[in-house]
Amino acid sequence: MAKITEISGYLVRNHEAGPFDIIGDVHGCFNELKELLIALGYIIEQDRTHHNYTVKPPKNHKAVFVGDLVDRGPSSPEVLRLVMDMVEAGHAYCVSGNHDDKLYRKLLGRNVQVRHGLELTMEQLSPYSSEFIARVRDFLGGLPHHVLLDEGRLVIAHAGLAEHLHGRHNRSVRDLCLYGPTTGEMDQHGLPVRLDWAANYTGHAIVVYGHTPVHIPCWRNNTINIDTGCVFGGKLTSLLYPDNVITAVEAHKTYAEPVRPFIHQQQSA
């Protein structure tokens, strides 16, 4: 077996200018993901014998996933299968989210706390073959922590990233991409107190991110959070770049209850 390394660094695709369909945190909501992709013009077919998906995107389009493919939702393995098939066919990019990273470390045999939905993902993976689980492990282990597109005009990072860190690769940058900046303190829910990095963003590059669910995606200083909490009964949202068109589908049900309430963002002036 090939040695599995830590999550890879950033991915640069400067020559690609879109159109990109950037999709927020899926968290195992497979049916909603299919519905959103179809609404965006993607054609999805499944080989019933080998179970793999063949996806035909709209002309010149490519999907970009902001991470947190897994946990809390009903079908994390099938979300992984669909996204892996799209990435391997050259129809999508994906960055790692903190939930994806935790699943990766669990599949490596690391000592991680099995909670916040990871217990459900592990249960869902249990009937799948060892070959599929190895494929998932290798895929998650190779995900970049952020992606630069269109000559650096577009940056995708799960929890966002300040301008001076775009295109940099070290453990600190990786952790910021996965978790975002925090104060080091815990809130009343036992979760890290997060800093509002986007409030002070002054960069020229558009940063599209997720991680912290919001009711409505709003532009703030050239950044936009498109995690609209599908797994919590919200919506699964995409942003079309460079036209900045929002498309969303409603969650089919509430699959999990958020530990803390959604954030109500205000659009910056």
Protein backbone atom coordinates (compact mmCIF):
# COMPACT_ATOMS: atom_id res chain seq x y z
CA MET A 1 0.00 0.00 0.00
CA ALA A 2 1.27 3.43 -0.91
CA LYS A 3 2.23 5.67 1.93
CA ILE A 4 -0.49 8.17 2.75
CA THR A 5 0.84 11.64 3.39
CA GLU A 6 -0.76 14.60 5.09
CA ILE A 7 -3.30 16.68 3.22
CA SER A 8 -1.64 18.33 0.23
CA GLY A 9 -1.06 22.04 -0.17
CA TYR A 10 -2.82 24.56 -2.35
CA LEU A 11 -3.83 23.91 -5.94
CA VAL A 12 -3.20 26.52 -8.62
CA ARG A 13 -5.14 26.48 -11.88
CA ASN A 14 -4.43 30.01 -13.09
CA HIS A 15 -5.31 29.30 -16.71
CA GLU A 16 -8.88 28.28 -15.84
CA ALA A 17 -11.33 31.17 -15.73
CA GLY A 18 -14.60 29.29 -15.47
CA PRO A 19 -17.48 29.09 -15.57
CA PHE A 20 -17.29 27.46 -12.14
CA ASP A 21 -20.26 26.16 -10.16
CA ILE A 22 -19.03 26.50 -6.57
CA ILE A 23 -21.04 24.33 -4.18
CA GLY A 24 -21.36 24.78 -0.42
CA ASP A 25 -21.08 22.25 2.40
CA VAL A 26 -22.92 19.06 1.37
CA HIS A 27 -22.61 17.08 4.64
CA GLY A 28 -23.95 13.84 3.21
CA CYS A 29 -27.05 15.37 1.56
CA PHE A 30 -26.80 13.26 -1.58
CA ASN A 31 -30.30 13.77 -2.98
CA GLU A 32 -30.04 17.53 -2.60
CA LEU A 33 -26.62 17.48 -4.30
CA LYS A 34 -28.01 15.61 -7.28
CA GLU A 35 -30.97 17.98 -7.43
CA LEU A 36 -28.70 21.02 -7.37
CA LEU A 37 -26.36 19.65 -10.04
CA ILE A 38 -29.31 18.85 -12.29
CA ALA A 39 -30.71 22.36 -11.73
CA LEU A 40 -27.31 23.70 -12.83
CA GLY A 41 -27.47 21.68 -16.05
CA TYR A 42 -25.32 18.67 -15.13
CA ILE A 43 -26.42 15.27 -16.45
CA ILE A 44 -25.84 12.43 -13.96
CA GLU A 45 -25.93 8.74 -14.83
CA GLN A 46 -25.04 5.76 -12.66
CA ASP A 47 -23.59 2.46 -13.78
CA ARG A 48 -25.69 0.00 -11.78
CA THR A 49 -23.08 -2.73 -12.16
CA HIS A 50 -20.03 -0.82 -10.95
CA HIS A 51 -22.00 1.86 -9.04
CA ASN A 52 -19.86 4.69 -10.41
CA TYR A 53 -21.32 7.96 -11.70
CA THR A 54 -20.83 9.52 -15.10
CA VAL A 55 -21.45 13.26 -15.08
CA LYS A 56 -21.71 15.54 -18.08
CA PRO A 57 -21.37 19.22 -17.10
CA PRO A 58 -22.77 22.15 -19.04
CA LYS A 59 -20.39 23.34 -21.76
CA ASN A 60 -17.05 24.53 -20.30
CA HIS A 61 -18.41 24.38 -16.72
CA LYS A 62 -16.62 22.78 -13.79
CA ALA A 63 -17.90 22.22 -10.27
CA VAL A 64 -15.86 23.28 -7.23
CA PHE A 65 -16.74 21.90 -3.79
CA VAL A 66 -15.88 23.97 -0.72
CA GLY A 67 -15.44 20.93 1.53
CA ASP A 68 -17.32 19.15 4.32
CA LEU A 69 -18.71 16.52 2.01
CA VAL A 70 -19.44 14.20 4.93
CA ASP A 71 -21.05 13.80 8.38
CA ARG A 72 -24.52 14.45 9.81
CA GLY A 73 -26.41 13.76 6.56
CA PRO A 74 -27.99 10.52 5.32
CA SER A 75 -25.65 9.49 2.48
CA SER A 76 -22.04 10.55 2.96
CA PRO A 77 -20.58 7.54 1.06
CA GLU A 78 -22.61 8.31 -2.06
CA VAL A 79 -21.71 12.00 -1.87
CA LEU A 80 -18.08 10.90 -1.76
CA ARG A 81 -18.55 8.52 -4.68
CA LEU A 82 -20.18 11.17 -6.85
CA VAL A 83 -17.61 13.86 -6.04
CA MET A 84 -14.67 11.45 -6.45
CA ASP A 85 -15.99 10.38 -9.84
CA MET A 86 -16.42 14.02 -10.91
CA VAL A 87 -12.93 15.01 -9.74
CA GLU A 88 -11.28 11.98 -11.35
CA ALA A 89 -13.09 12.70 -14.64
CA GLY A 90 -11.80 16.29 -14.60
CA HIS A 91 -15.25 17.80 -14.05
CA ALA A 92 -14.67 19.14 -10.53
CA TYR A 93 -12.25 20.39 -7.94
CA CYS A 94 -12.68 19.95 -4.21
CA VAL A 95 -10.94 21.41 -1.18
CA SER A 96 -10.81 19.71 2.19
CA GLY A 97 -13.12 20.69 5.00
CA ASN A 98 -12.54 19.98 8.66
CA HIS A 99 -15.03 17.09 8.62
CA ASP A 100 -13.33 15.55 5.58
CA ASP A 101 -9.95 15.84 7.31
CA LYS A 102 -11.27 14.19 10.46
CA LEU A 103 -12.69 11.28 8.47
CA TYR A 104 -9.36 10.94 6.69
CA ARG A 105 -7.49 10.76 9.98
CA LYS A 106 -9.99 8.21 11.32
CA LEU A 107 -9.50 6.03 8.24
CA LEU A 108 -5.74 6.21 8.83
CA GLY A 109 -6.32 4.75 12.28
CA ARG A 110 -5.58 7.97 14.14
CA ASN A 111 -7.11 8.63 17.55
CA VAL A 112 -9.93 11.08 16.84
CA GLN A 113 -13.13 11.85 18.71
CA VAL A 114 -15.98 10.15 16.89
CA ARG A 115 -18.70 12.78 17.23
CA HIS A 116 -20.31 15.72 15.38
CA GLY A 117 -21.60 13.31 12.74
CA LEU A 118 -18.47 11.22 12.19
CA GLU A 119 -20.13 8.34 14.03
CA LEU A 120 -22.92 8.37 11.42
CA THR A 121 -20.48 8.45 8.50
CA MET A 122 -18.53 5.49 9.91
CA GLU A 123 -21.77 3.56 10.31
CA GLN A 124 -22.77 4.38 6.72
CA LEU A 125 -19.37 3.25 5.43
CA SER A 126 -19.50 -0.09 7.24
CA PRO A 127 -21.27 -2.04 4.41
CA TYR A 128 -18.92 -0.67 1.73
CA SER A 129 -15.96 -2.65 0.41
CA SER A 130 -12.44 -2.21 1.69
CA GLU A 131 -11.48 -1.08 -1.82
CA PHE A 132 -14.04 1.74 -1.71
CA ILE A 133 -12.93 2.83 1.76
CA ALA A 134 -9.28 2.84 0.62
CA ARG A 135 -10.31 4.97 -2.35
CA VAL A 136 -12.05 7.42 -0.01
CA ARG A 137 -8.99 7.57 2.24
CA ASP A 138 -6.64 8.26 -0.64
CA PHE A 139 -8.99 10.87 -2.13
CA LEU A 140 -9.38 12.76 1.14
CA GLY A 141 -5.65 12.56 1.80
CA GLY A 142 -4.90 14.26 -1.49
CA LEU A 143 -7.31 17.17 -1.21
CA PRO A 144 -5.76 20.66 -1.27
CA HIS A 145 -6.52 23.10 1.51
CA HIS A 146 -7.28 25.89 -0.96
CA VAL A 147 -7.52 26.43 -4.70
CA LEU A 148 -6.48 29.46 -6.79
CA LEU A 149 -8.29 29.94 -10.09
CA ASP A 150 -8.48 32.54 -12.86
CA GLU A 151 -5.03 34.06 -12.38
CA GLY A 152 -5.62 34.21 -8.62
CA ARG A 153 -8.84 36.22 -8.96
CA LEU A 154 -10.83 33.40 -7.32
CA VAL A 155 -9.86 31.58 -4.14
CA ILE A 156 -11.76 28.62 -2.67
CA ALA A 157 -11.03 27.66 0.95
CA HIS A 158 -13.38 25.82 3.28
CA ALA A 159 -13.29 28.38 6.09
CA GLY A 160 -11.94 31.29 4.00
CA LEU A 161 -8.46 32.77 3.91
CA ALA A 162 -6.94 36.23 4.31
CA GLU A 163 -5.30 37.72 1.21
CA HIS A 164 -1.69 37.63 2.40
CA LEU A 165 -1.99 33.85 2.80
CA HIS A 166 -3.32 33.07 -0.67
CA GLY A 167 -1.02 30.58 -2.36
CA ARG A 168 0.94 29.80 0.79
CA HIS A 169 1.40 26.33 2.21
CA ASN A 170 2.28 25.48 5.77
CA ARG A 171 0.44 23.90 8.69
CA SER A 172 -0.82 27.23 9.99
CA VAL A 173 -2.33 28.15 6.61
CA ARG A 174 -3.82 24.67 6.28
CA ASP A 175 -5.45 24.92 9.70
CA LEU A 176 -6.89 28.35 8.87
CA CYS A 177 -8.36 26.96 5.65
CA LEU A 178 -9.98 24.06 7.50
CA TYR A 179 -11.12 25.75 10.71
CA GLY A 180 -10.82 29.52 10.31
CA PRO A 181 -9.23 31.86 12.86
CA THR A 182 -10.37 31.55 16.47
CA THR A 183 -9.76 33.39 19.73
CA GLY A 184 -8.59 30.25 21.51
CA GLU A 185 -11.64 30.37 23.77
CA MET A 186 -14.77 28.19 23.84
CA ASP A 187 -18.35 29.44 23.70
CA GLN A 188 -21.31 28.29 25.79
CA HIS A 189 -21.82 25.38 23.37
CA GLY A 190 -18.28 24.11 23.89
CA LEU A 191 -17.21 25.20 20.41
CA PRO A 192 -14.30 27.48 19.47
CA VAL A 193 -15.06 31.20 19.33
CA ARG A 194 -14.44 32.19 15.72
CA LEU A 195 -13.02 35.48 14.49
CA ASP A 196 -14.85 37.29 11.70
CA TRP A 197 -11.95 37.40 9.23
CA ALA A 198 -14.19 38.51 6.34
CA ALA A 199 -15.13 41.76 8.13
CA ASN A 200 -11.58 43.04 7.60
CA TYR A 201 -10.87 41.49 4.20
CA THR A 202 -9.48 44.00 1.70
CA GLY A 203 -8.20 41.68 -1.02
CA HIS A 204 -8.87 41.90 -4.73
CA ALA A 205 -9.42 38.17 -5.11
CA ILE A 206 -12.92 36.83 -4.52
CA VAL A 207 -12.92 34.29 -1.68
CA VAL A 208 -15.72 31.73 -1.64
CA TYR A 209 -16.04 29.61 1.48
CA GLY A 210 -18.40 27.74 3.81
CA HIS A 211 -17.83 26.11 7.23
CA THR A 212 -20.17 28.34 9.27
CA PRO A 213 -23.80 28.04 8.12
CA VAL A 214 -25.68 31.22 7.26
CA HIS A 215 -29.32 31.69 6.30
CA ILE A 216 -28.56 33.73 3.19
CA PRO A 217 -25.22 34.09 1.38
CA CYS A 218 -24.24 37.77 1.31
CA TRP A 219 -21.23 39.49 -0.21
CA ARG A 220 -18.88 40.98 2.36
CA ASN A 221 -15.70 42.74 1.21
CA ASN A 222 -15.31 40.53 -1.87
CA THR A 223 -16.01 37.33 0.08
CA ILE A 224 -19.09 35.12 0.22
CA ASN A 225 -20.07 32.25 2.51
CA ILE A 226 -22.23 29.75 0.61
CA ASP A 227 -22.83 27.23 3.41
CA THR A 228 -26.58 27.62 3.90
CA GLY A 229 -26.97 24.67 6.24
CA CYS A 230 -28.62 22.06 4.05
CA VAL A 231 -28.06 19.30 6.61
CA PHE A 232 -29.75 21.49 9.24
CA GLY A 233 -32.89 21.93 7.15
CA GLY A 234 -31.63 24.97 5.21
CA LYS A 235 -30.52 24.93 1.57
CA LEU A 236 -27.71 23.61 -0.58
CA THR A 237 -26.30 26.59 -2.45
CA SER A 238 -24.03 27.17 -5.42
CA LEU A 239 -22.38 30.30 -6.77
CA LEU A 240 -21.72 30.60 -10.50
CA TYR A 241 -18.40 32.34 -11.20
CA PRO A 242 -17.75 34.76 -12.85
CA ASP A 243 -21.41 35.77 -13.23
CA ASN A 244 -22.05 35.57 -9.45
CA VAL A 245 -25.44 33.88 -9.85
CA ILE A 246 -26.79 32.08 -6.78
CA THR A 247 -28.72 28.81 -7.19
CA ALA A 248 -30.12 26.87 -4.24
CA VAL A 249 -32.30 23.87 -3.49
CA GLU A 250 -34.25 23.31 -0.29
CA ALA A 251 -33.24 20.55 2.10
CA HIS A 252 -35.60 17.60 1.85
CA LYS A 253 -35.71 17.47 5.64
CA THR A 254 -33.81 18.45 8.76
CA TYR A 255 -31.19 15.74 9.20
CA ALA A 256 -29.39 17.20 12.22
CA GLU A 257 -29.79 20.01 14.72
CA PRO A 258 -27.08 22.69 14.78
CA VAL A 259 -25.10 22.98 17.99
CA ARG A 260 -25.30 26.76 17.70
CA PRO A 261 -27.72 28.90 15.68
CA PHE A 262 -27.18 29.94 12.08
CA ILE A 263 -25.43 33.27 11.60
CA HIS A 264 -27.45 36.13 10.14
CA GLN A 265 -24.92 37.95 7.94
CA GLN A 266 -25.40 41.50 6.81
CA GLN A 267 -24.27 42.57 3.36
CA SER A 268 -21.38 44.98 3.50
CA ALA A 269 -21.74 48.41 1.99
